[in-house]
Amino acid sequence: MDRTRRRRFGQNFLDDSTAQMIAGDLPLLVGEAILEIGPGHGAMTTHLLTYGNPLTAVEIDPECVELLQKKFAHVPNFSIVNEDILKFDIDRWIGEHGKPWLTGNLPYNISTAIIANLMPLLHKTCGFMGMVQLEVAKRLCAVPHTSDYGSLSVWVSAHAESRILRKIGPEHFNPKPNVDSATILLMPLEKPLEAAPEFFEFVQTCFSQKRKRITNCLVGTFEKSAVFAALESLEFSENTRAEELSPQQFLNLYNALNKSKATP
């Protein structure tokens, strides 16, 4: 496969032993369906299929699709869809497959977009276990008061319990990427944070100037006095920074500010 093609689709293919190890980390029960995102040449697919669970693979590259159709032609529980995962109707697929698992060695160039799209659907699944860049994994699993904590961390922790399972070095891929990778496990919360879609835009605004006070980030949207009043009502300092707040605290601040905005 040529270099331009790999770059276009964000493809880095796993070696077999690492793929087997990662597939073994998926805590499957008998009968639970699997949606594999970006199977590539089928390194993980091969080992996932040994469990006998129904597996649907979504792959954007038609060459990989053709290869996998031939490779698993006689496997009854395998099906593949040639489509961009960002356009694939995951919600509909989940509805047709009970409570499935989501997995995959995610294409690096769209991994955050994929995870972001999966979060509102996670409560309908058993969870997600897969691979992303180590830097992205740290952001996905970060907690308040840490340097990796940001709006993506809030989005994920509003829907899931997250943890890093394994660190995977470049030597386990072909071609070798210039970064380390990691596998993550995202388990759906029993009660995901309920908030309006605008809330997460608010969180992004709060992190827009990460090293500055939250007040500085919000003055373009709210009156400065209103931000100070909302922080005080929640017993936060006016020097509070976004990295200090949990998802629930962000929601409390969002609600307080919108309440003051609605009050004449």
C-alpha atoms as a PDB file:
ATOM      1  CA  MET A   1       0.000   0.000   0.000  1.00  0.00           C
ATOM      2  CA  ASP A   2       1.472   3.338  -1.034  1.00  0.00           C
ATOM      3  CA  ARG A   3       2.514   6.057   1.393  1.00  0.00           C
ATOM      4  CA  THR A   4      -0.013   8.598   0.089  1.00  0.00           C
ATOM      5  CA  ARG A   5      -2.849   6.152   0.724  1.00  0.00           C
ATOM      6  CA  ARG A   6      -1.668   5.436   4.278  1.00  0.00           C
ATOM      7  CA  ARG A   7      -1.453   9.152   5.010  1.00  0.00           C
ATOM      8  CA  ARG A   8      -4.911   9.805   3.553  1.00  0.00           C
ATOM      9  CA  PHE A   9      -6.585   7.177   5.716  1.00  0.00           C
ATOM     10  CA  GLY A  10      -4.350   7.566   8.809  1.00  0.00           C
ATOM     11  CA  GLN A  11      -3.254   3.940   8.525  1.00  0.00           C
ATOM     12  CA  ASN A  12      -0.641   2.257  10.742  1.00  0.00           C
ATOM     13  CA  PHE A  13      -0.972  -1.513  10.832  1.00  0.00           C
ATOM     14  CA  LEU A  14      -0.437  -3.538  14.030  1.00  0.00           C
ATOM     15  CA  ASP A  15       1.833  -6.564  14.296  1.00  0.00           C
ATOM     16  CA  ASP A  16       0.077  -9.848  15.030  1.00  0.00           C
ATOM     17  CA  SER A  17       1.246 -10.476  18.599  1.00  0.00           C
ATOM     18  CA  THR A  18       0.235  -6.977  19.744  1.00  0.00           C
ATOM     19  CA  ALA A  19      -3.122  -7.295  17.984  1.00  0.00           C
ATOM     20  CA  GLN A  20      -3.749 -10.587  19.798  1.00  0.00           C
ATOM     21  CA  MET A  21      -2.866  -9.010  23.147  1.00  0.00           C
ATOM     22  CA  ILE A  22      -5.197  -6.046  22.591  1.00  0.00           C
ATOM     23  CA  ALA A  23      -8.061  -8.241  21.356  1.00  0.00           C
ATOM     24  CA  GLY A  24      -7.658 -10.276  24.545  1.00  0.00           C
ATOM     25  CA  ASP A  25      -8.287  -7.141  26.621  1.00  0.00           C
ATOM     26  CA  LEU A  26     -11.859  -6.797  25.324  1.00  0.00           C
ATOM     27  CA  PRO A  27     -14.053  -8.189  28.158  1.00  0.00           C
ATOM     28  CA  LEU A  28     -16.557  -9.930  25.888  1.00  0.00           C
ATOM     29  CA  LEU A  29     -19.389 -12.169  26.977  1.00  0.00           C
ATOM     30  CA  VAL A  30     -20.910 -14.842  24.761  1.00  0.00           C
ATOM     31  CA  GLY A  31     -23.187 -13.397  22.104  1.00  0.00           C
ATOM     32  CA  GLU A  32     -22.211  -9.732  22.510  1.00  0.00           C
ATOM     33  CA  ALA A  33     -21.805  -8.105  19.106  1.00  0.00           C
ATOM     34  CA  ILE A  34     -18.661  -6.171  18.159  1.00  0.00           C
ATOM     35  CA  LEU A  35     -18.306  -3.090  15.986  1.00  0.00           C
ATOM     36  CA  GLU A  36     -14.677  -2.779  14.869  1.00  0.00           C
ATOM     37  CA  ILE A  37     -13.661   0.634  13.556  1.00  0.00           C
ATOM     38  CA  GLY A  38     -10.884   0.724  10.955  1.00  0.00           C
ATOM     39  CA  PRO A  39      -9.850  -2.957  10.800  1.00  0.00           C
ATOM     40  CA  GLY A  40      -7.162  -2.283   8.177  1.00  0.00           C
ATOM     41  CA  HIS A  41      -5.635  -5.623   7.183  1.00  0.00           C
ATOM     42  CA  GLY A  42      -7.548  -7.472   9.911  1.00  0.00           C
ATOM     43  CA  ALA A  43      -4.829  -7.936  12.547  1.00  0.00           C
ATOM     44  CA  MET A  44      -7.241  -7.438  15.466  1.00  0.00           C
ATOM     45  CA  THR A  45     -10.206  -8.812  13.506  1.00  0.00           C
ATOM     46  CA  THR A  46      -8.534 -12.214  13.210  1.00  0.00           C
ATOM     47  CA  HIS A  47      -8.244 -12.564  16.985  1.00  0.00           C
ATOM     48  CA  LEU A  48     -11.621 -11.002  17.797  1.00  0.00           C
ATOM     49  CA  LEU A  49     -13.346 -13.533  15.535  1.00  0.00           C
ATOM     50  CA  THR A  50     -11.898 -16.434  17.531  1.00  0.00           C
ATOM     51  CA  TYR A  51     -14.453 -15.646  20.267  1.00  0.00           C
ATOM     52  CA  GLY A  52     -17.294 -16.541  17.922  1.00  0.00           C
ATOM     53  CA  ASN A  53     -19.169 -13.281  18.540  1.00  0.00           C
ATOM     54  CA  PRO A  54     -20.822 -11.464  15.611  1.00  0.00           C
ATOM     55  CA  LEU A  55     -18.473  -8.770  14.302  1.00  0.00           C
ATOM     56  CA  THR A  56     -19.193  -5.874  11.963  1.00  0.00           C
ATOM     57  CA  ALA A  57     -16.157  -4.005  10.621  1.00  0.00           C
ATOM     58  CA  VAL A  58     -16.387  -0.479   9.208  1.00  0.00           C
ATOM     59  CA  GLU A  59     -13.518   0.361   6.860  1.00  0.00           C
ATOM     60  CA  ILE A  60     -13.138   3.375   4.565  1.00  0.00           C
ATOM     61  CA  ASP A  61     -10.392   1.957   2.320  1.00  0.00           C
ATOM     62  CA  PRO A  62     -11.867  -0.172  -0.505  1.00  0.00           C
ATOM     63  CA  GLU A  63      -8.582  -2.083  -0.919  1.00  0.00           C
ATOM     64  CA  CYS A  64      -8.704  -3.178   2.731  1.00  0.00           C
ATOM     65  CA  VAL A  65     -12.386  -4.072   2.361  1.00  0.00           C
ATOM     66  CA  GLU A  66     -11.635  -6.325  -0.605  1.00  0.00           C
ATOM     67  CA  LEU A  67      -8.761  -7.968   1.250  1.00  0.00           C
ATOM     68  CA  LEU A  68     -10.906  -8.650   4.345  1.00  0.00           C
ATOM     69  CA  GLN A  69     -13.847  -9.945   2.314  1.00  0.00           C
ATOM     70  CA  LYS A  70     -11.528 -12.581   0.863  1.00  0.00           C
ATOM     71  CA  LYS A  71      -9.708 -13.269   4.131  1.00  0.00           C
ATOM     72  CA  PHE A  72     -12.897 -13.902   6.139  1.00  0.00           C
ATOM     73  CA  ALA A  73     -15.164 -15.126   3.332  1.00  0.00           C
ATOM     74  CA  HIS A  74     -15.991 -18.336   5.201  1.00  0.00           C
ATOM     75  CA  VAL A  75     -16.519 -16.772   8.644  1.00  0.00           C
ATOM     76  CA  PRO A  76     -20.294 -16.680   9.259  1.00  0.00           C
ATOM     77  CA  ASN A  77     -20.225 -14.059  12.039  1.00  0.00           C
ATOM     78  CA  PHE A  78     -18.225 -11.511  10.019  1.00  0.00           C
ATOM     79  CA  SER A  79     -19.590  -8.614   7.958  1.00  0.00           C
ATOM     80  CA  ILE A  80     -17.907  -5.497   6.621  1.00  0.00           C
ATOM     81  CA  VAL A  81     -19.152  -2.073   5.570  1.00  0.00           C
ATOM     82  CA  ASN A  82     -17.134   0.123   3.199  1.00  0.00           C
ATOM     83  CA  GLU A  83     -17.847   3.533   4.697  1.00  0.00           C
ATOM     84  CA  ASP A  84     -16.327   6.469   6.551  1.00  0.00           C
ATOM     85  CA  ILE A  85     -16.988   5.814  10.261  1.00  0.00           C
ATOM     86  CA  LEU A  86     -17.843   9.507  10.731  1.00  0.00           C
ATOM     87  CA  LYS A  87     -20.723   9.044   8.260  1.00  0.00           C
ATOM     88  CA  PHE A  88     -21.740   5.540   9.359  1.00  0.00           C
ATOM     89  CA  ASP A  89     -25.033   5.376  11.317  1.00  0.00           C
ATOM     90  CA  ILE A  90     -23.634   3.898  14.535  1.00  0.00           C
ATOM     91  CA  ASP A  91     -26.825   4.587  16.475  1.00  0.00           C
ATOM     92  CA  ARG A  92     -28.879   2.526  14.045  1.00  0.00           C
ATOM     93  CA  TRP A  93     -26.311  -0.294  14.071  1.00  0.00           C
ATOM     94  CA  ILE A  94     -26.364  -0.375  17.889  1.00  0.00           C
ATOM     95  CA  GLY A  95     -30.160  -0.566  17.821  1.00  0.00           C
ATOM     96  CA  GLU A  96     -29.923  -3.666  15.635  1.00  0.00           C
ATOM     97  CA  HIS A  97     -27.315  -5.429  17.804  1.00  0.00           C
ATOM     98  CA  GLY A  98     -28.514  -5.330  21.413  1.00  0.00           C
ATOM     99  CA  LYS A  99     -25.833  -3.980  23.730  1.00  0.00           C
ATOM    100  CA  PRO A 100     -22.588  -4.336  21.750  1.00  0.00           C
ATOM    101  CA  TRP A 101     -18.918  -3.543  22.222  1.00  0.00           C
ATOM    102  CA  LEU A 102     -17.133  -0.857  20.196  1.00  0.00           C
ATOM    103  CA  THR A 103     -13.453  -1.316  19.401  1.00  0.00           C
ATOM    104  CA  GLY A 104     -10.691  -0.575  16.921  1.00  0.00           C
ATOM    105  CA  ASN A 105      -7.235   0.748  16.205  1.00  0.00           C
ATOM    106  CA  LEU A 106      -8.586   4.222  15.445  1.00  0.00           C
ATOM    107  CA  PRO A 107      -7.129   6.234  12.545  1.00  0.00           C
ATOM    108  CA  TYR A 108      -4.928   8.832  14.241  1.00  0.00           C
ATOM    109  CA  ASN A 109      -6.098  11.733  12.112  1.00  0.00           C
ATOM    110  CA  ILE A 110      -9.748  11.398  13.203  1.00  0.00           C
ATOM    111  CA  SER A 111      -9.538   9.552  16.544  1.00  0.00           C
ATOM    112  CA  THR A 112     -10.778  12.458  18.682  1.00  0.00           C
ATOM    113  CA  ALA A 113     -13.706  13.063  16.321  1.00  0.00           C
ATOM    114  CA  ILE A 114     -14.659   9.370  16.489  1.00  0.00           C
ATOM    115  CA  ILE A 115     -14.531   9.293  20.297  1.00  0.00           C
ATOM    116  CA  ALA A 116     -16.483  12.549  20.547  1.00  0.00           C
ATOM    117  CA  ASN A 117     -19.215  11.102  18.302  1.00  0.00           C
ATOM    118  CA  LEU A 118     -19.377   7.858  20.285  1.00  0.00           C
ATOM    119  CA  MET A 119     -19.873   9.430  23.701  1.00  0.00           C
ATOM    120  CA  PRO A 120     -23.618  10.258  23.520  1.00  0.00           C
ATOM    121  CA  LEU A 121     -24.234   6.669  22.340  1.00  0.00           C
ATOM    122  CA  LEU A 122     -21.999   4.923  24.869  1.00  0.00           C
ATOM    123  CA  HIS A 123     -24.802   4.245  27.381  1.00  0.00           C
ATOM    124  CA  LYS A 124     -26.443   2.017  24.745  1.00  0.00           C
ATOM    125  CA  THR A 125     -23.320  -0.176  24.565  1.00  0.00           C
ATOM    126  CA  CYS A 126     -21.108  -2.304  26.817  1.00  0.00           C
ATOM    127  CA  GLY A 127     -18.339   0.245  26.208  1.00  0.00           C
ATOM    128  CA  PHE A 128     -15.378   1.072  24.000  1.00  0.00           C
ATOM    129  CA  MET A 129     -11.913  -0.507  24.082  1.00  0.00           C
ATOM    130  CA  GLY A 130      -9.414   0.555  21.474  1.00  0.00           C
ATOM    131  CA  MET A 131      -6.236   2.340  20.504  1.00  0.00           C
ATOM    132  CA  VAL A 132      -5.382   5.999  20.000  1.00  0.00           C
ATOM    133  CA  GLN A 133      -2.232   8.109  20.209  1.00  0.00           C
ATOM    134  CA  LEU A 134      -0.840   8.156  23.749  1.00  0.00           C
ATOM    135  CA  GLU A 135      -1.179  11.946  23.856  1.00  0.00           C
ATOM    136  CA  VAL A 136      -4.871  11.654  22.965  1.00  0.00           C
ATOM    137  CA  ALA A 137      -5.372   8.831  25.473  1.00  0.00           C
ATOM    138  CA  LYS A 138      -3.992  11.029  28.246  1.00  0.00           C
ATOM    139  CA  ARG A 139      -6.421  13.815  27.312  1.00  0.00           C
ATOM    140  CA  LEU A 140      -9.364  11.435  27.103  1.00  0.00           C
ATOM    141  CA  CYS A 141      -8.645  10.003  30.553  1.00  0.00           C
ATOM    142  CA  ALA A 142      -7.424  13.156  32.321  1.00  0.00           C
ATOM    143  CA  VAL A 143      -8.905  14.392  35.589  1.00  0.00           C
ATOM    144  CA  PRO A 144      -9.154  17.931  37.008  1.00  0.00           C
ATOM    145  CA  HIS A 145      -5.973  19.649  38.248  1.00  0.00           C
ATOM    146  CA  THR A 146      -3.779  17.910  35.646  1.00  0.00           C
ATOM    147  CA  SER A 147      -2.083  19.402  32.584  1.00  0.00           C
ATOM    148  CA  ASP A 148      -3.851  17.043  30.134  1.00  0.00           C
ATOM    149  CA  TYR A 149      -7.332  17.963  31.385  1.00  0.00           C
ATOM    150  CA  GLY A 150      -9.378  19.876  28.825  1.00  0.00           C
ATOM    151  CA  SER A 151     -12.753  20.100  27.115  1.00  0.00           C
ATOM    152  CA  LEU A 152     -12.301  16.628  25.580  1.00  0.00           C
ATOM    153  CA  SER A 153     -11.686  15.189  29.054  1.00  0.00           C
ATOM    154  CA  VAL A 154     -14.905  16.813  30.302  1.00  0.00           C
ATOM    155  CA  TRP A 155     -16.868  15.448  27.336  1.00  0.00           C
ATOM    156  CA  VAL A 156     -15.614  11.907  27.939  1.00  0.00           C
ATOM    157  CA  SER A 157     -15.980  11.945  31.732  1.00  0.00           C
ATOM    158  CA  ALA A 158     -19.546  13.240  31.369  1.00  0.00           C
ATOM    159  CA  HIS A 159     -20.381   9.929  29.691  1.00  0.00           C
ATOM    160  CA  ALA A 160     -17.794   7.359  30.747  1.00  0.00           C
ATOM    161  CA  GLU A 161     -15.377   5.967  33.273  1.00  0.00           C
ATOM    162  CA  SER A 162     -12.052   5.975  31.453  1.00  0.00           C
ATOM    163  CA  ARG A 163      -8.626   4.443  31.922  1.00  0.00           C
ATOM    164  CA  ILE A 164      -5.492   3.703  29.943  1.00  0.00           C
ATOM    165  CA  LEU A 165      -4.852  -0.039  29.638  1.00  0.00           C
ATOM    166  CA  ARG A 166      -1.569  -0.354  27.746  1.00  0.00           C
ATOM    167  CA  LYS A 167       1.129   1.812  26.220  1.00  0.00           C
ATOM    168  CA  ILE A 168       2.105   0.609  22.729  1.00  0.00           C
ATOM    169  CA  GLY A 169       5.414   1.670  21.169  1.00  0.00           C
ATOM    170  CA  PRO A 170       5.976   2.579  17.481  1.00  0.00           C
ATOM    171  CA  GLU A 171       7.892  -0.661  16.875  1.00  0.00           C
ATOM    172  CA  HIS A 172       4.604  -2.602  16.927  1.00  0.00           C
ATOM    173  CA  PHE A 173       3.316  -0.880  13.766  1.00  0.00           C
ATOM    174  CA  ASN A 174       3.995  -0.806  10.058  1.00  0.00           C
ATOM    175  CA  PRO A 175       4.831   1.864   9.120  1.00  0.00           C
ATOM    176  CA  LYS A 176       6.237   3.044  12.447  1.00  0.00           C
ATOM    177  CA  PRO A 177       4.437   6.195  13.607  1.00  0.00           C
ATOM    178  CA  ASN A 178       6.385   9.051  15.174  1.00  0.00           C
ATOM    179  CA  VAL A 179       4.357   8.827  18.376  1.00  0.00           C
ATOM    180  CA  ASP A 180       3.526   6.326  21.103  1.00  0.00           C
ATOM    181  CA  SER A 181       0.054   4.814  21.234  1.00  0.00           C
ATOM    182  CA  ALA A 182      -2.155   3.496  24.016  1.00  0.00           C
ATOM    183  CA  THR A 183      -5.250   1.377  24.457  1.00  0.00           C
ATOM    184  CA  ILE A 184      -8.091   2.833  26.488  1.00  0.00           C
ATOM    185  CA  LEU A 185     -11.230   1.459  28.100  1.00  0.00           C
ATOM    186  CA  LEU A 186     -14.343   3.651  28.227  1.00  0.00           C
ATOM    187  CA  MET A 187     -17.190   2.204  30.310  1.00  0.00           C
ATOM    188  CA  PRO A 188     -20.593   3.930  30.181  1.00  0.00           C
ATOM    189  CA  LEU A 189     -21.761   5.742  33.295  1.00  0.00           C
ATOM    190  CA  GLU A 190     -25.024   4.552  34.824  1.00  0.00           C
ATOM    191  CA  LYS A 191     -26.155   8.171  34.805  1.00  0.00           C
ATOM    192  CA  PRO A 192     -24.409  10.265  32.136  1.00  0.00           C
ATOM    193  CA  LEU A 193     -24.354  14.002  32.719  1.00  0.00           C
ATOM    194  CA  GLU A 194     -27.532  15.486  31.283  1.00  0.00           C
ATOM    195  CA  ALA A 195     -26.972  18.842  29.639  1.00  0.00           C
ATOM    196  CA  ALA A 196     -28.017  20.883  26.635  1.00  0.00           C
ATOM    197  CA  PRO A 197     -25.769  20.609  23.553  1.00  0.00           C
ATOM    198  CA  GLU A 198     -24.726  24.247  24.141  1.00  0.00           C
ATOM    199  CA  PHE A 199     -23.195  23.227  27.467  1.00  0.00           C
ATOM    200  CA  PHE A 200     -20.197  21.600  25.805  1.00  0.00           C
ATOM    201  CA  GLU A 201     -19.622  24.679  23.673  1.00  0.00           C
ATOM    202  CA  PHE A 202     -19.546  26.549  26.986  1.00  0.00           C
ATOM    203  CA  VAL A 203     -16.905  24.125  28.306  1.00  0.00           C
ATOM    204  CA  GLN A 204     -14.778  24.678  25.185  1.00  0.00           C
ATOM    205  CA  THR A 205     -15.038  28.432  25.757  1.00  0.00           C
ATOM    206  CA  CYS A 206     -13.889  27.964  29.353  1.00  0.00           C
ATOM    207  CA  PHE A 207     -10.773  26.170  28.095  1.00  0.00           C
ATOM    208  CA  SER A 208     -10.106  28.614  25.245  1.00  0.00           C
ATOM    209  CA  GLN A 209      -7.394  30.348  27.296  1.00  0.00           C
ATOM    210  CA  LYS A 210      -6.342  27.465  29.485  1.00  0.00           C
ATOM    211  CA  ARG A 211      -3.756  29.264  31.588  1.00  0.00           C
ATOM    212  CA  LYS A 212      -6.026  32.216  32.330  1.00  0.00           C
ATOM    213  CA  ARG A 213      -8.871  32.609  34.784  1.00  0.00           C
ATOM    214  CA  ILE A 214     -12.232  31.300  33.682  1.00  0.00           C
ATOM    215  CA  THR A 215     -13.561  34.860  33.933  1.00  0.00           C
ATOM    216  CA  ASN A 216     -11.253  35.990  31.125  1.00  0.00           C
ATOM    217  CA  CYS A 217     -12.579  33.219  28.890  1.00  0.00           C
ATOM    218  CA  LEU A 218     -16.242  34.041  29.497  1.00  0.00           C
ATOM    219  CA  VAL A 219     -16.323  37.848  29.338  1.00  0.00           C
ATOM    220  CA  GLY A 220     -17.165  37.773  25.636  1.00  0.00           C
ATOM    221  CA  THR A 221     -20.290  35.725  26.356  1.00  0.00           C
ATOM    222  CA  PHE A 222     -21.372  36.924  29.805  1.00  0.00           C
ATOM    223  CA  GLU A 223     -21.033  40.110  31.806  1.00  0.00           C
ATOM    224  CA  LYS A 224     -17.931  40.028  33.980  1.00  0.00           C
ATOM    225  CA  SER A 225     -19.972  40.824  37.076  1.00  0.00           C
ATOM    226  CA  ALA A 226     -22.303  37.918  36.290  1.00  0.00           C
ATOM    227  CA  VAL A 227     -19.364  35.525  36.044  1.00  0.00           C
ATOM    228  CA  PHE A 228     -18.002  36.733  39.394  1.00  0.00           C
ATOM    229  CA  ALA A 229     -21.465  36.408  40.970  1.00  0.00           C
ATOM    230  CA  ALA A 230     -21.952  32.882  39.598  1.00  0.00           C
ATOM    231  CA  LEU A 231     -18.527  31.785  40.837  1.00  0.00           C
ATOM    232  CA  GLU A 232     -19.235  33.242  44.260  1.00  0.00           C
ATOM    233  CA  SER A 233     -22.647  31.535  44.473  1.00  0.00           C
ATOM    234  CA  LEU A 234     -20.902  28.204  43.892  1.00  0.00           C
ATOM    235  CA  GLU A 235     -18.134  29.064  46.392  1.00  0.00           C
ATOM    236  CA  PHE A 236     -15.450  29.258  43.699  1.00  0.00           C
ATOM    237  CA  SER A 237     -12.705  31.860  43.722  1.00  0.00           C
ATOM    238  CA  GLU A 238     -12.716  34.556  41.049  1.00  0.00           C
ATOM    239  CA  ASN A 239      -9.259  33.199  40.156  1.00  0.00           C
ATOM    240  CA  THR A 240     -10.682  29.781  39.273  1.00  0.00           C
ATOM    241  CA  ARG A 241      -9.272  28.167  36.115  1.00  0.00           C
ATOM    242  CA  ALA A 242     -11.073  25.675  33.883  1.00  0.00           C
ATOM    243  CA  GLU A 243      -8.700  22.833  34.725  1.00  0.00           C
ATOM    244  CA  GLU A 244      -9.927  22.936  38.351  1.00  0.00           C
ATOM    245  CA  LEU A 245     -13.583  22.094  37.643  1.00  0.00           C
ATOM    246  CA  SER A 246     -15.238  18.692  37.331  1.00  0.00           C
ATOM    247  CA  PRO A 247     -17.949  18.115  34.691  1.00  0.00           C
ATOM    248  CA  GLN A 248     -20.673  18.563  37.314  1.00  0.00           C
ATOM    249  CA  GLN A 249     -19.096  21.816  38.512  1.00  0.00           C
ATOM    250  CA  PHE A 250     -18.971  23.087  34.926  1.00  0.00           C
ATOM    251  CA  LEU A 251     -22.670  22.263  34.596  1.00  0.00           C
ATOM    252  CA  ASN A 252     -23.459  24.060  37.855  1.00  0.00           C
ATOM    253  CA  LEU A 253     -21.601  27.146  36.608  1.00  0.00           C
ATOM    254  CA  TYR A 254     -23.319  26.979  33.214  1.00  0.00           C
ATOM    255  CA  ASN A 255     -26.750  26.767  34.857  1.00  0.00           C
ATOM    256  CA  ALA A 256     -25.971  29.624  37.269  1.00  0.00           C
ATOM    257  CA  LEU A 257     -24.829  31.914  34.450  1.00  0.00           C
ATOM    258  CA  ASN A 258     -27.819  31.138  32.262  1.00  0.00           C
ATOM    259  CA  LYS A 259     -30.156  31.680  35.187  1.00  0.00           C
ATOM    260  CA  SER A 260     -28.649  35.126  35.805  1.00  0.00           C
ATOM    261  CA  LYS A 261     -28.845  35.887  32.082  1.00  0.00           C
ATOM    262  CA  ALA A 262     -32.554  35.057  32.056  1.00  0.00           C
ATOM    263  CA  THR A 263     -33.279  37.149  35.150  1.00  0.00           C
ATOM    264  CA  PRO A 264     -34.296  40.730  34.222  1.00  0.00           C
END
